[in-house]
Amino acid sequence: MTISIPMHSSRGLGVVSCGLLALTTACSSGPDYPEYDTAGDIPRLYQASYVTDAPTIDGKMDDLAWRKADWTANFIELGGSTISRPRHQSRAKLLWDRQYLYVGVWMVEPNLKSKPISSLGFDGLLMFACHDDSPETYQTISSEPGGRHSTSVFNNNPEGEPLEILNGLQQAVALSGTLNQQGDSDKGWWVEIALPWRELTTSEQASVPQAGSTWRVNLVRDDEQSWSPYFSHDIHDPEMWGRVTLKR
């Protein structure tokens, strides 16, 4: 699902417009351009707040629930360089309830382009997630500004159970700008993801997580920057993913 939020008002069918006032109010979770933050724990640490009013997965990140969440540190260069900064800012928020892990990501992008499915994860946003106790089984979710996405489930344990296709995922994209139009100036794009806990747990684990439990999550953008850096490690190495602790 893709919702376009152009920089100028539009009455086009199927387009949700957000004017200048709305971009600073209803869409206020977006671009406020804080200073880059390359300091902090490595792997990154984050505490995800519990919500009773689940956000609507429409890509806009304007629900009241998101106000309960802190922003992550800005994504930094994939290899962890403190000298080379990403070209454009990216950061995220995470929430949870008894059904889903919610992830919202804001990415500055002055030239919004749709990406082919074959390149997802390299020209878009790639998310990794697994339980801290079972990193051999994990999910990946790829998203791009045009709204297309793909999912994969990995099981690196040779004695593990066969895995089914990732079911029940909710994902949506919203744009601050126009897609595939050269010469204009865009702001960026949002992604909202609701990942069901039942897809993140094995048969030995409770399907409903408990406060205090820890999950490994990482977010990689355009194969250039990530929330938790990898240094010389492969991006599929769970040891380098951030640690998300659920709090109430």
Protein backbone atom coordinates (compact mmCIF):
# COMPACT_ATOMS: atom_id res chain seq x y z
CA MET A 1 0.00 0.00 0.00
CA THR A 2 1.37 3.42 -0.94
CA ILE A 3 0.02 6.81 0.07
CA SER A 4 1.52 9.84 -1.66
CA ILE A 5 1.81 13.00 0.37
CA PRO A 6 2.92 15.59 -2.21
CA MET A 7 4.59 18.84 -1.27
CA HIS A 8 1.79 20.79 -2.93
CA SER A 9 -1.95 20.28 -2.52
CA SER A 10 -3.53 17.82 -4.91
CA ARG A 11 -7.08 16.69 -5.58
CA GLY A 12 -6.11 13.69 -7.63
CA LEU A 13 -8.10 10.51 -7.07
CA GLY A 14 -6.50 8.15 -4.55
CA VAL A 15 -3.88 10.65 -3.42
CA VAL A 16 -3.82 11.81 0.17
CA SER A 17 -2.45 15.36 0.20
CA CYS A 18 -0.65 16.93 3.08
CA GLY A 19 0.01 20.67 2.84
CA LEU A 20 2.68 22.66 4.61
CA LEU A 21 0.70 22.88 7.82
CA ALA A 22 -0.04 19.16 7.82
CA LEU A 23 3.60 18.30 7.24
CA THR A 24 4.39 20.03 10.52
CA THR A 25 1.42 18.66 12.44
CA ALA A 26 -0.28 15.45 11.31
CA CYS A 27 2.90 14.34 9.58
CA SER A 28 5.17 15.75 12.27
CA SER A 29 6.94 12.46 12.85
CA GLY A 30 8.90 13.15 9.68
CA PRO A 31 11.66 15.55 8.79
CA ASP A 32 12.95 17.67 11.64
CA TYR A 33 16.56 17.00 10.68
CA PRO A 34 18.34 16.49 14.03
CA GLU A 35 22.10 16.30 14.28
CA TYR A 36 23.73 13.07 13.23
CA ASP A 37 24.41 10.72 16.13
CA THR A 38 27.22 8.22 15.65
CA ALA A 39 27.79 7.77 19.38
CA GLY A 40 26.18 5.19 21.65
CA ASP A 41 26.12 1.47 22.17
CA ILE A 42 27.21 -0.96 19.46
CA PRO A 43 25.19 -3.02 18.72
CA ARG A 44 22.50 -0.36 19.12
CA LEU A 45 20.07 -0.61 22.05
CA TYR A 46 16.43 0.47 22.07
CA GLN A 47 13.44 0.18 24.40
CA ALA A 48 10.12 -0.29 22.61
CA SER A 49 7.03 1.01 24.39
CA TYR A 50 3.81 -0.99 24.78
CA VAL A 51 0.67 0.48 23.20
CA THR A 52 -3.02 -0.20 23.72
CA ASP A 53 -3.98 2.07 20.81
CA ALA A 54 -2.24 0.34 17.92
CA PRO A 55 -1.17 2.55 15.02
CA THR A 56 -2.98 2.26 11.71
CA ILE A 57 -0.56 0.85 9.15
CA ASP A 58 -0.97 3.43 6.41
CA GLY A 59 2.64 4.57 6.14
CA LYS A 60 2.11 8.07 7.55
CA MET A 61 3.35 7.62 11.15
CA ASP A 62 0.89 10.26 12.33
CA ASP A 63 -1.02 8.17 14.89
CA LEU A 64 -0.92 9.18 18.55
CA ALA A 65 0.69 5.84 19.37
CA TRP A 66 3.93 6.86 17.67
CA ARG A 67 4.29 9.79 20.08
CA LYS A 68 4.97 7.26 22.82
CA ALA A 69 8.08 6.05 21.01
CA ASP A 70 11.52 7.61 20.97
CA TRP A 71 13.47 7.91 17.75
CA THR A 72 16.40 5.58 17.28
CA ALA A 73 19.82 7.03 16.68
CA ASN A 74 20.25 8.08 13.07
CA PHE A 75 21.43 5.34 10.74
CA ILE A 76 25.15 5.50 10.11
CA GLU A 77 27.49 4.23 7.43
CA LEU A 78 27.13 0.47 7.01
CA GLY A 79 30.74 -0.21 7.95
CA GLY A 80 30.52 1.93 11.09
CA SER A 81 32.75 4.76 9.86
CA THR A 82 32.62 7.86 12.06
CA ILE A 83 34.07 9.93 9.23
CA SER A 84 31.85 8.98 6.29
CA ARG A 85 28.23 9.97 6.91
CA PRO A 86 25.23 8.71 4.90
CA ARG A 87 24.06 11.07 2.18
CA HIS A 88 20.56 11.32 3.66
CA GLN A 89 19.11 10.91 7.13
CA SER A 90 17.19 7.80 8.25
CA ARG A 91 15.80 6.88 11.66
CA ALA A 92 13.07 4.71 13.18
CA LYS A 93 10.60 4.12 16.00
CA LEU A 94 9.39 0.80 17.43
CA LEU A 95 6.28 -0.13 19.44
CA TRP A 96 4.61 -3.37 20.47
CA ASP A 97 1.40 -4.94 21.71
CA ARG A 98 0.23 -8.52 22.20
CA GLN A 99 -0.14 -9.11 18.47
CA TYR A 100 2.55 -7.16 16.64
CA LEU A 101 5.95 -5.56 16.65
CA TYR A 102 5.47 -2.15 15.00
CA VAL A 103 8.27 -0.45 13.11
CA GLY A 104 8.10 3.02 11.57
CA VAL A 105 10.97 4.47 9.55
CA TRP A 106 11.50 7.96 8.14
CA MET A 107 14.04 8.39 5.31
CA VAL A 108 15.10 11.69 3.77
CA GLU A 109 15.21 11.36 -0.03
CA PRO A 110 15.31 14.36 -2.43
CA ASN A 111 14.57 12.22 -5.51
CA LEU A 112 11.95 9.56 -4.89
CA LYS A 113 12.14 6.64 -7.31
CA SER A 114 10.34 3.32 -7.51
CA LYS A 115 12.68 0.33 -7.26
CA PRO A 116 12.45 -3.02 -9.08
CA ILE A 117 11.55 -6.01 -6.94
CA SER A 118 14.80 -7.73 -7.92
CA SER A 119 16.83 -5.03 -6.15
CA LEU A 120 14.82 -4.77 -2.94
CA GLY A 121 17.09 -4.82 0.06
CA PHE A 122 19.77 -3.05 -1.96
CA ASP A 123 17.75 -0.05 -3.22
CA GLY A 124 15.23 0.45 -0.46
CA LEU A 125 14.77 -0.58 3.16
CA LEU A 126 15.68 -4.03 4.46
CA MET A 127 14.58 -5.10 7.95
CA PHE A 128 15.90 -8.09 9.93
CA ALA A 129 14.19 -9.46 13.04
CA CYS A 130 14.48 -12.47 15.36
CA HIS A 131 14.25 -13.46 19.02
CA ASP A 132 17.45 -12.88 20.97
CA ASP A 133 17.48 -16.55 22.03
CA SER A 134 17.11 -17.99 18.53
CA PRO A 135 19.10 -15.91 16.03
CA GLU A 136 19.38 -18.87 13.67
CA THR A 137 15.74 -18.29 12.67
CA TYR A 138 14.94 -14.82 11.40
CA GLN A 139 12.72 -12.78 9.07
CA THR A 140 13.60 -10.18 6.46
CA ILE A 141 11.26 -7.57 5.01
CA SER A 142 12.17 -5.38 2.03
CA SER A 143 10.32 -2.17 1.12
CA GLU A 144 10.70 0.52 -1.55
CA PRO A 145 9.15 3.96 -2.22
CA GLY A 146 6.71 2.58 -4.79
CA GLY A 147 5.07 0.44 -2.11
CA ARG A 148 6.23 -2.99 -3.26
CA HIS A 149 7.71 -5.32 -0.68
CA SER A 150 9.03 -8.82 -0.29
CA THR A 151 9.57 -11.10 2.70
CA SER A 152 11.83 -14.04 3.47
CA VAL A 153 12.18 -16.45 6.38
CA PHE A 154 15.59 -17.93 7.14
CA ASN A 155 16.38 -20.98 9.23
CA ASN A 156 20.11 -21.56 9.61
CA ASN A 157 19.61 -24.38 12.10
CA PRO A 158 19.94 -27.69 10.17
CA GLU A 159 17.78 -29.43 12.79
CA GLY A 160 15.13 -26.72 12.83
CA GLU A 161 11.55 -27.06 11.72
CA PRO A 162 10.64 -26.23 8.10
CA LEU A 163 9.43 -22.65 7.91
CA GLU A 164 6.34 -21.38 6.15
CA ILE A 165 6.03 -18.14 4.21
CA LEU A 166 5.76 -15.07 6.42
CA ASN A 167 2.03 -14.56 7.03
CA GLY A 168 -0.01 -11.75 8.55
CA LEU A 169 2.46 -8.97 7.80
CA GLN A 170 1.11 -5.44 7.39
CA GLN A 171 3.22 -2.91 5.49
CA ALA A 172 2.57 0.51 3.96
CA VAL A 173 4.55 3.39 2.46
CA ALA A 174 3.80 7.13 2.39
CA LEU A 175 5.64 9.76 0.37
CA SER A 176 6.49 13.38 1.05
CA GLY A 177 6.98 14.32 -2.59
CA THR A 178 6.26 12.77 -5.97
CA LEU A 179 7.42 9.44 -7.30
CA ASN A 180 9.55 9.06 -10.44
CA GLN A 181 9.50 12.74 -11.42
CA GLN A 182 12.85 14.21 -12.33
CA GLY A 183 13.56 17.85 -11.57
CA ASP A 184 11.32 18.28 -8.54
CA SER A 185 12.48 18.39 -4.93
CA ASP A 186 11.14 15.68 -2.63
CA LYS A 187 11.39 15.40 1.15
CA GLY A 188 11.47 11.65 1.70
CA TRP A 189 9.38 8.59 2.52
CA TRP A 190 7.97 6.67 5.45
CA VAL A 191 7.53 2.94 5.97
CA GLU A 192 5.26 1.37 8.59
CA ILE A 193 5.46 -2.36 9.34
CA ALA A 194 3.42 -4.53 11.69
CA LEU A 195 5.14 -7.88 12.14
CA PRO A 196 3.01 -10.51 13.94
CA TRP A 197 4.67 -12.13 16.92
CA ARG A 198 3.50 -15.56 15.84
CA GLU A 199 5.87 -15.26 12.88
CA LEU A 200 8.80 -14.29 15.10
CA THR A 201 8.49 -17.16 17.56
CA THR A 202 9.29 -20.86 17.35
CA SER A 203 7.15 -23.67 18.74
CA GLU A 204 9.28 -23.64 21.92
CA GLN A 205 8.57 -19.97 22.58
CA ALA A 206 5.44 -18.21 23.76
CA SER A 207 3.52 -16.63 20.89
CA VAL A 208 2.83 -13.56 23.03
CA PRO A 209 6.03 -11.83 24.20
CA GLN A 210 6.64 -10.63 27.72
CA ALA A 211 7.81 -7.21 28.83
CA GLY A 212 11.54 -7.35 29.38
CA SER A 213 12.19 -9.78 26.53
CA THR A 214 14.80 -8.83 23.95
CA TRP A 215 14.66 -9.07 20.18
CA ARG A 216 17.32 -8.56 17.56
CA VAL A 217 16.38 -6.04 14.88
CA ASN A 218 18.28 -4.16 12.25
CA LEU A 219 17.35 -1.79 9.46
CA VAL A 220 19.49 -1.33 6.36
CA ARG A 221 18.89 1.36 3.74
CA ASP A 222 20.16 1.26 0.15
CA ASP A 223 22.95 -1.14 1.16
CA GLU A 224 24.81 1.95 2.42
CA GLN A 225 23.60 2.74 5.93
CA SER A 226 22.10 0.90 8.89
CA TRP A 227 20.74 1.56 12.35
CA SER A 228 23.27 -0.77 13.98
CA PRO A 229 26.53 -0.85 11.99
CA TYR A 230 28.17 -4.03 10.72
CA PHE A 231 31.82 -3.03 10.39
CA SER A 232 33.32 -5.95 8.43
CA HIS A 233 30.48 -8.40 9.14
CA ASP A 234 27.85 -9.69 6.72
CA ILE A 235 24.48 -7.92 6.97
CA HIS A 236 22.85 -11.29 7.77
CA ASP A 237 24.98 -11.64 10.94
CA PRO A 238 22.52 -11.36 13.88
CA GLU A 239 25.35 -10.60 16.30
CA MET A 240 25.58 -7.12 14.80
CA TRP A 241 21.85 -6.32 14.85
CA GLY A 242 20.44 -3.91 17.39
CA ARG A 243 18.84 -5.16 20.62
CA VAL A 244 15.23 -4.11 21.19
CA THR A 245 13.85 -4.63 24.69
CA LEU A 246 10.09 -4.56 25.21
CA LYS A 247 8.92 -2.31 28.03
CA ARG A 248 5.56 -1.50 29.64
